[in-house]
């Protein structure tokens, strides 16, 4: 899997925001939010914008998930 954005979604809930609020506040495209919702990679620039807007660190919005071998 690689990375999970679940910490970001939890942080938004704690701050009374939703994905749409974040998208509009920093000018993200709907496709970027969709990628994040699916756990896909996004540009570091996007993560930087989110961290700056929410005044948080990368660890507050992204979690590394170890790949499990079958």
PDB file of N, CA and C in Angstrom:
ATOM      1  N   UNK A   1       0.831  -1.190   0.000  1.00  0.00           N
ATOM      2  CA  UNK A   1       0.000   0.000   0.000  1.00  0.00           C
ATOM      3  C   UNK A   1       0.874   1.252   0.000  1.00  0.00           C
ATOM      4  N   UNK A   2       1.807   1.390   0.911  1.00  0.00           N
ATOM      5  CA  UNK A   2       2.685   2.548   0.926  1.00  0.00           C
ATOM      6  C   UNK A   2       2.309   3.581   1.970  1.00  0.00           C
ATOM      7  N   UNK A   3       1.324   4.433   1.643  1.00  0.00           N
ATOM      8  CA  UNK A   3       0.964   5.520   2.544  1.00  0.00           C
ATOM      9  C   UNK A   3      -0.541   5.597   2.732  1.00  0.00           C
ATOM     10  N   UNK A   4      -0.925   6.086   3.908  1.00  0.00           N
ATOM     11  CA  UNK A   4      -2.333   6.290   4.224  1.00  0.00           C
ATOM     12  C   UNK A   4      -2.518   7.750   4.635  1.00  0.00           C
ATOM     13  N   UNK A   5      -3.599   8.333   4.192  1.00  0.00           N
ATOM     14  CA  UNK A   5      -3.928   9.714   4.561  1.00  0.00           C
ATOM     15  C   UNK A   5      -4.976   9.764   5.673  1.00  0.00           C
ATOM     16  N   UNK A   6      -5.209   8.627   6.335  1.00  0.00           N
ATOM     17  CA  UNK A   6      -6.183   8.597   7.427  1.00  0.00           C
ATOM     18  C   UNK A   6      -5.890   9.630   8.513  1.00  0.00           C
ATOM     19  N   UNK A   7      -4.618   9.881   8.853  1.00  0.00           N
ATOM     20  CA  UNK A   7      -4.371  10.942   9.851  1.00  0.00           C
ATOM     21  C   UNK A   7      -4.898  12.307   9.396  1.00  0.00           C
ATOM     22  N   UNK A   8      -4.825  12.590   8.101  1.00  0.00           N
ATOM     23  CA  UNK A   8      -5.358  13.853   7.586  1.00  0.00           C
ATOM     24  C   UNK A   8      -6.864  13.906   7.747  1.00  0.00           C
ATOM     25  N   UNK A   9      -7.544  12.826   7.379  1.00  0.00           N
ATOM     26  CA  UNK A   9      -9.011  12.825   7.481  1.00  0.00           C
ATOM     27  C   UNK A   9      -9.437  12.999   8.936  1.00  0.00           C
ATOM     28  N   UNK A  10      -8.718  12.367   9.865  1.00  0.00           N
ATOM     29  CA  UNK A  10      -9.040  12.518  11.293  1.00  0.00           C
ATOM     30  C   UNK A  10      -8.780  13.945  11.759  1.00  0.00           C
ATOM     31  N   UNK A  11      -7.680  14.541  11.282  1.00  0.00           N
ATOM     32  CA  UNK A  11      -7.360  15.920  11.646  1.00  0.00           C
ATOM     33  C   UNK A  11      -8.437  16.876  11.144  1.00  0.00           C
ATOM     34  N   UNK A  12      -8.909  16.651   9.933  1.00  0.00           N
ATOM     35  CA  UNK A  12      -9.977  17.502   9.400  1.00  0.00           C
ATOM     36  C   UNK A  12     -11.234  17.408  10.258  1.00  0.00           C
ATOM     37  N   UNK A  13     -11.594  16.203  10.666  1.00  0.00           N
ATOM     38  CA  UNK A  13     -12.766  16.014  11.521  1.00  0.00           C
ATOM     39  C   UNK A  13     -12.578  16.758  12.837  1.00  0.00           C
ATOM     40  N   UNK A  14     -11.393  16.637  13.426  1.00  0.00           N
ATOM     41  CA  UNK A  14     -11.107  17.320  14.693  1.00  0.00           C
ATOM     42  C   UNK A  14     -11.232  18.829  14.561  1.00  0.00           C
ATOM     43  N   UNK A  15     -10.972  19.348  13.376  1.00  0.00           N
ATOM     44  CA  UNK A  15     -11.032  20.795  13.141  1.00  0.00           C
ATOM     45  C   UNK A  15     -12.355  21.236  12.529  1.00  0.00           C
ATOM     46  N   UNK A  16     -13.305  20.314  12.465  1.00  0.00           N
ATOM     47  CA  UNK A  16     -14.633  20.649  11.952  1.00  0.00           C
ATOM     48  C   UNK A  16     -14.654  20.917  10.458  1.00  0.00           C
ATOM     49  N   UNK A  17     -13.768  20.270   9.741  1.00  0.00           N
ATOM     50  CA  UNK A  17     -13.682  20.462   8.291  1.00  0.00           C
ATOM     51  C   UNK A  17     -13.968  19.148   7.577  1.00  0.00           C
ATOM     52  N   UNK A  18     -14.238  19.255   6.283  1.00  0.00           N
ATOM     53  CA  UNK A  18     -14.345  18.054   5.463  1.00  0.00           C
ATOM     54  C   UNK A  18     -13.400  18.190   4.276  1.00  0.00           C
ATOM     55  N   UNK A  19     -13.355  17.176   3.440  1.00  0.00           N
ATOM     56  CA  UNK A  19     -12.432  17.174   2.305  1.00  0.00           C
ATOM     57  C   UNK A  19     -12.710  18.342   1.352  1.00  0.00           C
ATOM     58  N   UNK A  20     -13.966  18.632   1.150  1.00  0.00           N
ATOM     59  CA  UNK A  20     -14.352  19.735   0.264  1.00  0.00           C
ATOM     60  C   UNK A  20     -13.845  21.072   0.806  1.00  0.00           C
ATOM     61  N   UNK A  21     -13.953  21.277   2.106  1.00  0.00           N
ATOM     62  CA  UNK A  21     -13.453  22.508   2.721  1.00  0.00           C
ATOM     63  C   UNK A  21     -11.960  22.670   2.456  1.00  0.00           C
ATOM     64  N   UNK A  22     -11.206  21.604   2.664  1.00  0.00           N
ATOM     65  CA  UNK A  22      -9.769  21.645   2.444  1.00  0.00           C
ATOM     66  C   UNK A  22      -9.460  21.911   0.977  1.00  0.00           C
ATOM     67  N   UNK A  23     -10.155  21.227   0.107  1.00  0.00           N
ATOM     68  CA  UNK A  23      -9.931  21.379  -1.331  1.00  0.00           C
ATOM     69  C   UNK A  23     -10.127  22.827  -1.763  1.00  0.00           C
ATOM     70  N   UNK A  24     -11.207  23.432  -1.322  1.00  0.00           N
ATOM     71  CA  UNK A  24     -11.500  24.811  -1.697  1.00  0.00           C
ATOM     72  C   UNK A  24     -10.527  25.795  -1.052  1.00  0.00           C
ATOM     73  N   UNK A  25     -10.120  25.534   0.181  1.00  0.00           N
ATOM     74  CA  UNK A  25      -9.247  26.459   0.909  1.00  0.00           C
ATOM     75  C   UNK A  25      -7.872  26.589   0.267  1.00  0.00           C
ATOM     76  N   UNK A  26      -7.338  25.490  -0.266  1.00  0.00           N
ATOM     77  CA  UNK A  26      -5.977  25.565  -0.815  1.00  0.00           C
ATOM     78  C   UNK A  26      -5.918  25.308  -2.314  1.00  0.00           C
ATOM     79  N   UNK A  27      -7.077  25.208  -2.946  1.00  0.00           N
ATOM     80  CA  UNK A  27      -7.119  25.106  -4.396  1.00  0.00           C
ATOM     81  C   UNK A  27      -6.708  23.771  -4.968  1.00  0.00           C
ATOM     82  N   UNK A  28      -7.032  22.695  -4.282  1.00  0.00           N
ATOM     83  CA  UNK A  28      -6.736  21.361  -4.809  1.00  0.00           C
ATOM     84  C   UNK A  28      -7.806  20.958  -5.806  1.00  0.00           C
ATOM     85  N   UNK A  29      -7.424  20.135  -6.750  1.00  0.00           N
ATOM     86  CA  UNK A  29      -8.398  19.631  -7.712  1.00  0.00           C
ATOM     87  C   UNK A  29      -9.167  18.464  -7.101  1.00  0.00           C
ATOM     88  N   UNK A  30     -10.379  18.228  -7.586  1.00  0.00           N
ATOM     89  CA  UNK A  30     -11.132  17.064  -7.104  1.00  0.00           C
ATOM     90  C   UNK A  30     -10.378  15.756  -7.326  1.00  0.00           C
ATOM     91  N   UNK A  31      -9.611  15.677  -8.413  1.00  0.00           N
ATOM     92  CA  UNK A  31      -8.876  14.436  -8.686  1.00  0.00           C
ATOM     93  C   UNK A  31      -7.779  14.193  -7.655  1.00  0.00           C
ATOM     94  N   UNK A  32      -7.186  15.255  -7.128  1.00  0.00           N
ATOM     95  CA  UNK A  32      -6.159  15.098  -6.090  1.00  0.00           C
ATOM     96  C   UNK A  32      -6.775  14.531  -4.823  1.00  0.00           C
ATOM     97  N   UNK A  33      -7.914  15.067  -4.431  1.00  0.00           N
ATOM     98  CA  UNK A  33      -8.610  14.548  -3.245  1.00  0.00           C
ATOM     99  C   UNK A  33      -9.024  13.099  -3.481  1.00  0.00           C
ATOM    100  N   UNK A  34      -9.457  12.777  -4.685  1.00  0.00           N
ATOM    101  CA  UNK A  34      -9.841  11.396  -5.008  1.00  0.00           C
ATOM    102  C   UNK A  34      -8.640  10.468  -4.888  1.00  0.00           C
ATOM    103  N   UNK A  35      -7.484  10.902  -5.386  1.00  0.00           N
ATOM    104  CA  UNK A  35      -6.272  10.091  -5.266  1.00  0.00           C
ATOM    105  C   UNK A  35      -5.945   9.832  -3.804  1.00  0.00           C
ATOM    106  N   UNK A  36      -6.032  10.872  -3.006  1.00  0.00           N
ATOM    107  CA  UNK A  36      -5.718  10.723  -1.586  1.00  0.00           C
ATOM    108  C   UNK A  36      -6.721   9.801  -0.896  1.00  0.00           C
ATOM    109  N   UNK A  37      -7.968   9.912  -1.274  1.00  0.00           N
ATOM    110  CA  UNK A  37      -9.002   9.060  -0.676  1.00  0.00           C
ATOM    111  C   UNK A  37      -8.757   7.582  -0.984  1.00  0.00           C
ATOM    112  N   UNK A  38      -8.113   7.312  -2.123  1.00  0.00           N
ATOM    113  CA  UNK A  38      -7.801   5.938  -2.521  1.00  0.00           C
ATOM    114  C   UNK A  38      -6.423   5.490  -2.034  1.00  0.00           C
ATOM    115  N   UNK A  39      -5.709   6.399  -1.353  1.00  0.00           N
ATOM    116  CA  UNK A  39      -4.387   6.043  -0.851  1.00  0.00           C
ATOM    117  C   UNK A  39      -3.300   6.113  -1.907  1.00  0.00           C
ATOM    118  N   UNK A  40      -3.573   6.795  -3.013  1.00  0.00           N
ATOM    119  CA  UNK A  40      -2.578   6.936  -4.078  1.00  0.00           C
ATOM    120  C   UNK A  40      -1.594   8.051  -3.739  1.00  0.00           C
ATOM    121  N   UNK A  41      -0.477   8.038  -4.451  1.00  0.00           N
ATOM    122  CA  UNK A  41       0.542   9.054  -4.243  1.00  0.00           C
ATOM    123  C   UNK A  41       0.086  10.395  -4.798  1.00  0.00           C
ATOM    124  N   UNK A  42       0.482  11.478  -4.102  1.00  0.00           N
ATOM    125  CA  UNK A  42       0.288  12.838  -4.596  1.00  0.00           C
ATOM    126  C   UNK A  42       1.624  13.556  -4.484  1.00  0.00           C
ATOM    127  N   UNK A  43       1.743  14.673  -5.153  1.00  0.00           N
ATOM    128  CA  UNK A  43       2.988  15.433  -5.168  1.00  0.00           C
ATOM    129  C   UNK A  43       3.310  15.986  -3.777  1.00  0.00           C
ATOM    130  N   UNK A  44       4.596  16.083  -3.503  1.00  0.00           N
ATOM    131  CA  UNK A  44       5.033  16.675  -2.236  1.00  0.00           C
ATOM    132  C   UNK A  44       4.545  18.115  -2.114  1.00  0.00           C
ATOM    133  N   UNK A  45       4.397  18.793  -3.229  1.00  0.00           N
ATOM    134  CA  UNK A  45       3.881  20.171  -3.217  1.00  0.00           C
ATOM    135  C   UNK A  45       2.487  20.214  -2.596  1.00  0.00           C
ATOM    136  N   UNK A  46       1.666  19.224  -2.911  1.00  0.00           N
ATOM    137  CA  UNK A  46       0.315  19.144  -2.342  1.00  0.00           C
ATOM    138  C   UNK A  46       0.393  18.954  -0.832  1.00  0.00           C
ATOM    139  N   UNK A  47       1.249  18.033  -0.398  1.00  0.00           N
ATOM    140  CA  UNK A  47       1.393  17.787   1.037  1.00  0.00           C
ATOM    141  C   UNK A  47       1.933  19.020   1.746  1.00  0.00           C
ATOM    142  N   UNK A  48       2.828  19.754   1.096  1.00  0.00           N
ATOM    143  CA  UNK A  48       3.365  20.983   1.661  1.00  0.00           C
ATOM    144  C   UNK A  48       2.264  22.022   1.838  1.00  0.00           C
ATOM    145  N   UNK A  49       1.403  22.178   0.835  1.00  0.00           N
ATOM    146  CA  UNK A  49       0.285  23.125   0.934  1.00  0.00           C
ATOM    147  C   UNK A  49      -0.640  22.765   2.102  1.00  0.00           C
ATOM    148  N   UNK A  50      -0.910  21.476   2.243  1.00  0.00           N
ATOM    149  CA  UNK A  50      -1.796  21.015   3.322  1.00  0.00           C
ATOM    150  C   UNK A  50      -1.165  21.303   4.676  1.00  0.00           C
ATOM    151  N   UNK A  51       0.117  20.969   4.821  1.00  0.00           N
ATOM    152  CA  UNK A  51       0.809  21.211   6.096  1.00  0.00           C
ATOM    153  C   UNK A  51       0.845  22.699   6.441  1.00  0.00           C
ATOM    154  N   UNK A  52       1.120  23.536   5.455  1.00  0.00           N
ATOM    155  CA  UNK A  52       1.147  24.979   5.699  1.00  0.00           C
ATOM    156  C   UNK A  52      -0.225  25.501   6.096  1.00  0.00           C
ATOM    157  N   UNK A  53      -1.258  25.057   5.402  1.00  0.00           N
ATOM    158  CA  UNK A  53      -2.614  25.523   5.688  1.00  0.00           C
ATOM    159  C   UNK A  53      -3.078  25.074   7.075  1.00  0.00           C
ATOM    160  N   UNK A  54      -2.815  23.823   7.410  1.00  0.00           N
ATOM    161  CA  UNK A  54      -3.275  23.282   8.692  1.00  0.00           C
ATOM    162  C   UNK A  54      -2.282  23.516   9.832  1.00  0.00           C
ATOM    163  N   UNK A  55      -1.125  24.113   9.520  1.00  0.00           N
ATOM    164  CA  UNK A  55      -0.074  24.375  10.498  1.00  0.00           C
ATOM    165  C   UNK A  55       0.277  23.085  11.248  1.00  0.00           C
ATOM    166  N   UNK A  56       0.688  22.087  10.470  1.00  0.00           N
ATOM    167  CA  UNK A  56       1.016  20.791  11.046  1.00  0.00           C
ATOM    168  C   UNK A  56       2.224  20.213  10.314  1.00  0.00           C
ATOM    169  N   UNK A  57       2.693  19.068  10.781  1.00  0.00           N
ATOM    170  CA  UNK A  57       3.824  18.405  10.131  1.00  0.00           C
ATOM    171  C   UNK A  57       3.323  17.278   9.233  1.00  0.00           C
ATOM    172  N   UNK A  58       4.217  16.763   8.420  1.00  0.00           N
ATOM    173  CA  UNK A  58       3.875  15.670   7.520  1.00  0.00           C
ATOM    174  C   UNK A  58       3.371  14.447   8.288  1.00  0.00           C
ATOM    175  N   UNK A  59       3.954  14.190   9.448  1.00  0.00           N
ATOM    176  CA  UNK A  59       3.513  13.049  10.267  1.00  0.00           C
ATOM    177  C   UNK A  59       2.071  13.185  10.733  1.00  0.00           C
ATOM    178  N   UNK A  60       1.562  14.412  10.756  1.00  0.00           N
ATOM    179  CA  UNK A  60       0.185  14.644  11.189  1.00  0.00           C
ATOM    180  C   UNK A  60      -0.835  14.321  10.107  1.00  0.00           C
ATOM    181  N   UNK A  61      -0.378  14.180   8.858  1.00  0.00           N
ATOM    182  CA  UNK A  61      -1.334  13.961   7.764  1.00  0.00           C
ATOM    183  C   UNK A  61      -1.101  12.688   6.959  1.00  0.00           C
ATOM    184  N   UNK A  62       0.087  12.102   7.088  1.00  0.00           N
ATOM    185  CA  UNK A  62       0.418  10.902   6.308  1.00  0.00           C
ATOM    186  C   UNK A  62       1.003   9.843   7.236  1.00  0.00           C
ATOM    187  N   UNK A  63       0.612   8.605   6.984  1.00  0.00           N
ATOM    188  CA  UNK A  63       1.128   7.477   7.764  1.00  0.00           C
ATOM    189  C   UNK A  63       1.691   6.447   6.791  1.00  0.00           C
ATOM    190  N   UNK A  64       2.898   5.966   7.079  1.00  0.00           N
ATOM    191  CA  UNK A  64       3.489   4.922   6.251  1.00  0.00           C
ATOM    192  C   UNK A  64       2.911   3.580   6.658  1.00  0.00           C
ATOM    193  N   UNK A  65       2.501   2.812   5.670  1.00  0.00           N
ATOM    194  CA  UNK A  65       1.917   1.496   5.909  1.00  0.00           C
ATOM    195  C   UNK A  65       2.831   0.466   5.237  1.00  0.00           C
ATOM    196  N   UNK A  66       3.339  -0.456   6.016  1.00  0.00           N
ATOM    197  CA  UNK A  66       4.231  -1.478   5.484  1.00  0.00           C
ATOM    198  C   UNK A  66       3.478  -2.394   4.536  1.00  0.00           C
ATOM    199  N   UNK A  67       4.148  -2.738   3.428  1.00  0.00           N
ATOM    200  CA  UNK A  67       3.592  -3.720   2.502  1.00  0.00           C
ATOM    201  C   UNK A  67       3.646  -5.095   3.153  1.00  0.00           C
ATOM    202  N   UNK A  68       2.579  -5.853   3.005  1.00  0.00           N
ATOM    203  CA  UNK A  68       2.549  -7.198   3.567  1.00  0.00           C
ATOM    204  C   UNK A  68       2.698  -8.200   2.432  1.00  0.00           C
ATOM    205  N   UNK A  69       3.681  -9.069   2.581  1.00  0.00           N
ATOM    206  CA  UNK A  69       3.866 -10.114   1.579  1.00  0.00           C
ATOM    207  C   UNK A  69       2.851 -11.216   1.785  1.00  0.00           C
ATOM    208  N   UNK A  70       2.393 -11.777   0.684  1.00  0.00           N
ATOM    209  CA  UNK A  70       1.382 -12.839   0.773  1.00  0.00           C
ATOM    210  C   UNK A  70       2.022 -14.176   0.925  1.00  0.00           C
TER     211      UNK A  70
END
